[in-house]
Amino acid sequence: MLQLDITPFKSGVHHVELTPEASDLEFELEPFDDIHDISNIHVDITIQAHRDRLLLHIGVEADAELTCDRTLEQFTERVDGQYSVLFGPEQLVGAETDDYDEVRPLNRGDREVDITDIVRDTIMIAIPQRKVAPGAEDEDITMAFGTPDDPEDVEEPVDPRWSELQKLKSDDE
C-alpha cells in the first residue's frame, strides 16, 4: 500500500518524489501473460494544498518487462503516465452521480491519502497495447504457411505407405 503523509502540507504548492516497490502497489500481473515485471518505479507528485482539499498531479515512470507481440522475445521498456486527482470534502465527491470521478473524499482528520490504485493504474494504462521490442520491426516474419506451390519443393514421403496415396494424387491430375 502506498500512503502519502499529508500532515506537513500547509496551503500552497509542494513537491514530493517517491520510489515505491512493485509490491507496495499490489500489482497482480498473473492475468497479463505479456507483462512479466514492473520495476524501477519513480513517482513525482505536485501537490496544491488548500484549507480542505488537495489537488495532486501525479507523474509515474517505471520499467516494464514485456513480451514482444512480433517476436515473442522479452524486453524492457520505460513507460510513463500522468494523472490528476482532487481529494476534497464529501460534498465534492458527488455520491449520487458520476460527474466527479476524479474527486476522492478527504476528511478533516485524515493524516494520509491512499494513492496505491492511482499509481498502479497509471502504470498499467501507460503500457502500450502493441508491445514491440526495439529492432523487431526490422526482422523478417514468415508470411506464407502451408505447402509450397512449386511441386519440386515437395519432399518425398519418408513412410513407404504414403507412396500409394501419392499415386492416387498423380492419377487425379
C-alpha atoms as a PDB file:
ATOM      1  CA  MET A   1       0.000   0.000   0.000  1.00  0.00           C
ATOM      2  CA  LEU A   2       1.270   3.450  -0.914  1.00  0.00           C
ATOM      3  CA  GLN A   3       0.212   6.155   1.540  1.00  0.00           C
ATOM      4  CA  LEU A   4       1.042   9.832   1.168  1.00  0.00           C
ATOM      5  CA  ASP A   5       1.501  11.633   4.511  1.00  0.00           C
ATOM      6  CA  ILE A   6      -0.338  14.961   4.173  1.00  0.00           C
ATOM      7  CA  THR A   7       0.306  16.391   7.657  1.00  0.00           C
ATOM      8  CA  PRO A   8       3.271  18.596   6.688  1.00  0.00           C
ATOM      9  CA  PHE A   9       1.468  20.337   3.800  1.00  0.00           C
ATOM     10  CA  LYS A  10       0.162  23.807   4.519  1.00  0.00           C
ATOM     11  CA  SER A  11      -1.643  25.898   1.888  1.00  0.00           C
ATOM     12  CA  GLY A  12       0.483  26.287  -1.200  1.00  0.00           C
ATOM     13  CA  VAL A  13       2.328  24.171  -3.747  1.00  0.00           C
ATOM     14  CA  HIS A  14       4.529  21.263  -2.648  1.00  0.00           C
ATOM     15  CA  HIS A  15       6.636  18.688  -4.450  1.00  0.00           C
ATOM     16  CA  VAL A  16       7.150  15.045  -3.404  1.00  0.00           C
ATOM     17  CA  GLU A  17       9.127  12.228  -5.040  1.00  0.00           C
ATOM     18  CA  LEU A  18       8.603   8.564  -4.167  1.00  0.00           C
ATOM     19  CA  THR A  19      10.292   5.339  -5.266  1.00  0.00           C
ATOM     20  CA  PRO A  20       7.935   2.548  -4.247  1.00  0.00           C
ATOM     21  CA  GLU A  21       8.455  -1.150  -4.912  1.00  0.00           C
ATOM     22  CA  ALA A  22       6.035  -3.056  -7.136  1.00  0.00           C
ATOM     23  CA  SER A  23       4.854  -4.974  -4.069  1.00  0.00           C
ATOM     24  CA  ASP A  24       3.790  -1.651  -2.463  1.00  0.00           C
ATOM     25  CA  LEU A  25       1.436  -1.081  -5.404  1.00  0.00           C
ATOM     26  CA  GLU A  26      -0.137  -4.540  -5.128  1.00  0.00           C
ATOM     27  CA  PHE A  27       0.395  -5.482  -8.780  1.00  0.00           C
ATOM     28  CA  GLU A  28      -1.415  -8.612  -9.924  1.00  0.00           C
ATOM     29  CA  LEU A  29       0.314  -9.467 -13.195  1.00  0.00           C
ATOM     30  CA  GLU A  30      -1.000 -13.045 -13.471  1.00  0.00           C
ATOM     31  CA  PRO A  31      -3.860 -12.221 -15.871  1.00  0.00           C
ATOM     32  CA  PHE A  32      -1.392 -10.407 -18.130  1.00  0.00           C
ATOM     33  CA  ASP A  33       0.742 -13.000 -19.913  1.00  0.00           C
ATOM     34  CA  ASP A  34       2.709 -10.350 -21.799  1.00  0.00           C
ATOM     35  CA  ILE A  35       3.721  -8.286 -18.728  1.00  0.00           C
ATOM     36  CA  HIS A  36       6.318 -10.083 -16.616  1.00  0.00           C
ATOM     37  CA  ASP A  37       7.571  -7.495 -14.149  1.00  0.00           C
ATOM     38  CA  ILE A  38       7.324  -3.834 -13.138  1.00  0.00           C
ATOM     39  CA  SER A  39      10.409  -2.303 -11.514  1.00  0.00           C
ATOM     40  CA  ASN A  40      12.389   0.890 -11.002  1.00  0.00           C
ATOM     41  CA  ILE A  41       9.250   2.907 -10.226  1.00  0.00           C
ATOM     42  CA  HIS A  42       9.517   6.672  -9.772  1.00  0.00           C
ATOM     43  CA  VAL A  43       6.537   8.803  -8.679  1.00  0.00           C
ATOM     44  CA  ASP A  44       6.680  12.594  -8.971  1.00  0.00           C
ATOM     45  CA  ILE A  45       3.823  14.434  -7.215  1.00  0.00           C
ATOM     46  CA  THR A  46       2.968  18.125  -7.302  1.00  0.00           C
ATOM     47  CA  ILE A  47       0.515  18.967  -4.522  1.00  0.00           C
ATOM     48  CA  GLN A  48      -1.626  22.081  -4.456  1.00  0.00           C
ATOM     49  CA  ALA A  49      -2.860  22.230  -0.872  1.00  0.00           C
ATOM     50  CA  HIS A  50      -5.763  24.358   0.271  1.00  0.00           C
ATOM     51  CA  ARG A  51      -7.661  24.550   3.521  1.00  0.00           C
ATOM     52  CA  ASP A  52      -9.863  21.476   2.991  1.00  0.00           C
ATOM     53  CA  ARG A  53      -8.646  19.946  -0.270  1.00  0.00           C
ATOM     54  CA  LEU A  54      -5.576  18.652  -2.087  1.00  0.00           C
ATOM     55  CA  LEU A  55      -5.053  18.616  -5.842  1.00  0.00           C
ATOM     56  CA  LEU A  56      -2.434  16.020  -6.800  1.00  0.00           C
ATOM     57  CA  HIS A  57      -0.718  15.964 -10.199  1.00  0.00           C
ATOM     58  CA  ILE A  58       0.981  12.579 -10.310  1.00  0.00           C
ATOM     59  CA  GLY A  59       3.651  11.619 -12.837  1.00  0.00           C
ATOM     60  CA  VAL A  60       4.777   7.995 -12.879  1.00  0.00           C
ATOM     61  CA  GLU A  61       7.707   6.271 -14.618  1.00  0.00           C
ATOM     62  CA  ALA A  62       8.574   2.571 -14.443  1.00  0.00           C
ATOM     63  CA  ASP A  63      10.450  -0.187 -16.248  1.00  0.00           C
ATOM     64  CA  ALA A  64       8.080  -2.812 -17.607  1.00  0.00           C
ATOM     65  CA  GLU A  65       9.370  -6.218 -18.679  1.00  0.00           C
ATOM     66  CA  LEU A  66       7.178  -7.151 -21.643  1.00  0.00           C
ATOM     67  CA  THR A  67       6.827  -9.834 -24.307  1.00  0.00           C
ATOM     68  CA  CYS A  68       7.159  -8.580 -27.865  1.00  0.00           C
ATOM     69  CA  ASP A  69       3.988  -9.171 -29.905  1.00  0.00           C
ATOM     70  CA  ARG A  70       6.061  -9.619 -33.061  1.00  0.00           C
ATOM     71  CA  THR A  71       8.934 -11.880 -31.960  1.00  0.00           C
ATOM     72  CA  LEU A  72       7.704 -13.233 -28.577  1.00  0.00           C
ATOM     73  CA  GLU A  73      11.024 -12.174 -27.008  1.00  0.00           C
ATOM     74  CA  GLN A  74      11.116 -10.451 -23.622  1.00  0.00           C
ATOM     75  CA  PHE A  75      12.343  -6.856 -23.461  1.00  0.00           C
ATOM     76  CA  THR A  76      12.272  -3.941 -21.013  1.00  0.00           C
ATOM     77  CA  GLU A  77      10.596  -0.659 -21.872  1.00  0.00           C
ATOM     78  CA  ARG A  78      10.398   2.552 -19.839  1.00  0.00           C
ATOM     79  CA  VAL A  79       6.755   3.642 -19.536  1.00  0.00           C
ATOM     80  CA  ASP A  80       5.363   6.864 -18.131  1.00  0.00           C
ATOM     81  CA  GLY A  81       1.987   8.398 -17.436  1.00  0.00           C
ATOM     82  CA  GLN A  82       0.268  11.226 -15.621  1.00  0.00           C
ATOM     83  CA  TYR A  83      -2.913  11.563 -13.602  1.00  0.00           C
ATOM     84  CA  SER A  84      -4.556  14.322 -11.582  1.00  0.00           C
ATOM     85  CA  VAL A  85      -6.886  13.732  -8.677  1.00  0.00           C
ATOM     86  CA  LEU A  86      -8.642  16.007  -6.198  1.00  0.00           C
ATOM     87  CA  PHE A  87      -9.042  14.951  -2.587  1.00  0.00           C
ATOM     88  CA  GLY A  88     -11.747  17.111  -1.037  1.00  0.00           C
ATOM     89  CA  PRO A  89     -14.749  17.354   1.259  1.00  0.00           C
ATOM     90  CA  GLU A  90     -17.565  14.833   0.932  1.00  0.00           C
ATOM     91  CA  GLN A  91     -19.896  17.286  -0.839  1.00  0.00           C
ATOM     92  CA  LEU A  92     -17.474  17.483  -3.797  1.00  0.00           C
ATOM     93  CA  VAL A  93     -17.396  13.719  -4.291  1.00  0.00           C
ATOM     94  CA  GLY A  94     -20.966  13.529  -5.623  1.00  0.00           C
ATOM     95  CA  ALA A  95     -22.012  10.099  -4.354  1.00  0.00           C
ATOM     96  CA  GLU A  96     -25.203  10.047  -6.471  1.00  0.00           C
ATOM     97  CA  THR A  97     -23.651  10.966  -9.826  1.00  0.00           C
ATOM     98  CA  ASP A  98     -20.566  10.112 -11.816  1.00  0.00           C
ATOM     99  CA  ASP A  99     -19.803  13.787 -12.518  1.00  0.00           C
ATOM    100  CA  TYR A 100     -16.740  13.767 -10.263  1.00  0.00           C
ATOM    101  CA  ASP A 101     -14.839  10.578 -10.999  1.00  0.00           C
ATOM    102  CA  GLU A 102     -11.511  12.196 -10.147  1.00  0.00           C
ATOM    103  CA  VAL A 103     -12.629  13.543  -6.762  1.00  0.00           C
ATOM    104  CA  ARG A 104     -11.977  11.426  -3.693  1.00  0.00           C
ATOM    105  CA  PRO A 105     -13.072  12.095  -0.129  1.00  0.00           C
ATOM    106  CA  LEU A 106     -10.773  13.890   2.297  1.00  0.00           C
ATOM    107  CA  ASN A 107     -11.959  14.214   5.874  1.00  0.00           C
ATOM    108  CA  ARG A 108     -10.657  16.864   8.289  1.00  0.00           C
ATOM    109  CA  GLY A 109      -8.906  14.296  10.495  1.00  0.00           C
ATOM    110  CA  ASP A 110      -7.141  12.443   7.668  1.00  0.00           C
ATOM    111  CA  ARG A 111      -3.364  12.323   8.051  1.00  0.00           C
ATOM    112  CA  GLU A 112      -2.629  10.446   4.824  1.00  0.00           C
ATOM    113  CA  VAL A 113      -4.224   9.593   1.499  1.00  0.00           C
ATOM    114  CA  ASP A 114      -4.008   6.264  -0.284  1.00  0.00           C
ATOM    115  CA  ILE A 115      -2.572   6.642  -3.797  1.00  0.00           C
ATOM    116  CA  THR A 116      -1.861   2.934  -4.412  1.00  0.00           C
ATOM    117  CA  ASP A 117      -4.526   2.372  -7.042  1.00  0.00           C
ATOM    118  CA  ILE A 118      -3.841   5.720  -8.756  1.00  0.00           C
ATOM    119  CA  VAL A 119      -0.133   4.955  -9.255  1.00  0.00           C
ATOM    120  CA  ARG A 120      -0.739   1.291 -10.193  1.00  0.00           C
ATOM    121  CA  ASP A 121      -3.464   2.125 -12.730  1.00  0.00           C
ATOM    122  CA  THR A 122      -1.407   4.946 -14.238  1.00  0.00           C
ATOM    123  CA  ILE A 123       1.433   2.491 -14.896  1.00  0.00           C
ATOM    124  CA  MET A 124      -0.909  -0.125 -16.357  1.00  0.00           C
ATOM    125  CA  ILE A 125      -2.542   2.419 -18.681  1.00  0.00           C
ATOM    126  CA  ALA A 126       0.902   3.640 -19.818  1.00  0.00           C
ATOM    127  CA  ILE A 127       1.866   0.169 -21.091  1.00  0.00           C
ATOM    128  CA  PRO A 128       1.330   0.185 -24.866  1.00  0.00           C
ATOM    129  CA  GLN A 129      -1.327  -2.029 -26.425  1.00  0.00           C
ATOM    130  CA  ARG A 130       1.111  -3.178 -29.117  1.00  0.00           C
ATOM    131  CA  LYS A 131       4.341  -4.228 -27.496  1.00  0.00           C
ATOM    132  CA  VAL A 132       7.206  -4.239 -29.997  1.00  0.00           C
ATOM    133  CA  ALA A 133      10.799  -4.802 -28.921  1.00  0.00           C
ATOM    134  CA  PRO A 134      13.491  -2.476 -30.259  1.00  0.00           C
ATOM    135  CA  GLY A 135      14.607  -3.738 -33.666  1.00  0.00           C
ATOM    136  CA  ALA A 136      11.696  -6.165 -34.022  1.00  0.00           C
ATOM    137  CA  GLU A 137      10.132  -4.120 -36.825  1.00  0.00           C
ATOM    138  CA  ASP A 138      13.222  -4.779 -38.959  1.00  0.00           C
ATOM    139  CA  GLU A 139      13.084  -8.581 -38.613  1.00  0.00           C
ATOM    140  CA  ASP A 140      11.546 -10.665 -41.382  1.00  0.00           C
ATOM    141  CA  ILE A 141       8.499 -12.660 -40.428  1.00  0.00           C
ATOM    142  CA  THR A 142       7.282 -15.609 -42.465  1.00  0.00           C
ATOM    143  CA  MET A 143       4.005 -14.626 -44.065  1.00  0.00           C
ATOM    144  CA  ALA A 144       3.358 -17.830 -46.108  1.00  0.00           C
ATOM    145  CA  PHE A 145       2.329 -21.047 -44.448  1.00  0.00           C
ATOM    146  CA  GLY A 146       1.257 -24.473 -45.661  1.00  0.00           C
ATOM    147  CA  THR A 147       2.630 -26.482 -48.597  1.00  0.00           C
ATOM    148  CA  PRO A 148       4.822 -24.827 -51.214  1.00  0.00           C
ATOM    149  CA  ASP A 149       3.284 -24.027 -54.601  1.00  0.00           C
ATOM    150  CA  ASP A 150       6.244 -25.440 -56.525  1.00  0.00           C
ATOM    151  CA  PRO A 151       5.978 -29.268 -56.814  1.00  0.00           C
ATOM    152  CA  GLU A 152       9.772 -29.573 -56.867  1.00  0.00           C
ATOM    153  CA  ASP A 153       9.901 -28.179 -53.319  1.00  0.00           C
ATOM    154  CA  VAL A 154       7.735 -31.019 -52.013  1.00  0.00           C
ATOM    155  CA  GLU A 155       9.815 -33.616 -50.205  1.00  0.00           C
ATOM    156  CA  GLU A 156       9.359 -37.312 -50.875  1.00  0.00           C
ATOM    157  CA  PRO A 157       7.433 -39.073 -48.119  1.00  0.00           C
ATOM    158  CA  VAL A 158       9.550 -40.890 -45.574  1.00  0.00           C
ATOM    159  CA  ASP A 159       6.991 -43.612 -44.911  1.00  0.00           C
ATOM    160  CA  PRO A 160       6.596 -46.043 -47.885  1.00  0.00           C
ATOM    161  CA  ARG A 161       2.880 -46.346 -47.179  1.00  0.00           C
ATOM    162  CA  TRP A 162       2.426 -42.823 -48.471  1.00  0.00           C
ATOM    163  CA  SER A 163       3.559 -43.824 -51.943  1.00  0.00           C
ATOM    164  CA  GLU A 164       0.150 -45.397 -52.719  1.00  0.00           C
ATOM    165  CA  LEU A 165      -1.578 -42.173 -51.769  1.00  0.00           C
ATOM    166  CA  GLN A 166       0.861 -40.233 -53.923  1.00  0.00           C
ATOM    167  CA  LYS A 167      -0.152 -42.413 -56.912  1.00  0.00           C
ATOM    168  CA  LEU A 168      -3.812 -41.526 -56.319  1.00  0.00           C
ATOM    169  CA  LYS A 169      -2.957 -37.836 -56.306  1.00  0.00           C
ATOM    170  CA  SER A 170      -0.989 -38.238 -59.532  1.00  0.00           C
ATOM    171  CA  ASP A 171      -3.937 -40.026 -61.213  1.00  0.00           C
ATOM    172  CA  ASP A 172      -6.309 -37.161 -60.417  1.00  0.00           C
ATOM    173  CA  GLU A 173      -4.025 -34.598 -62.077  1.00  0.00           C
END
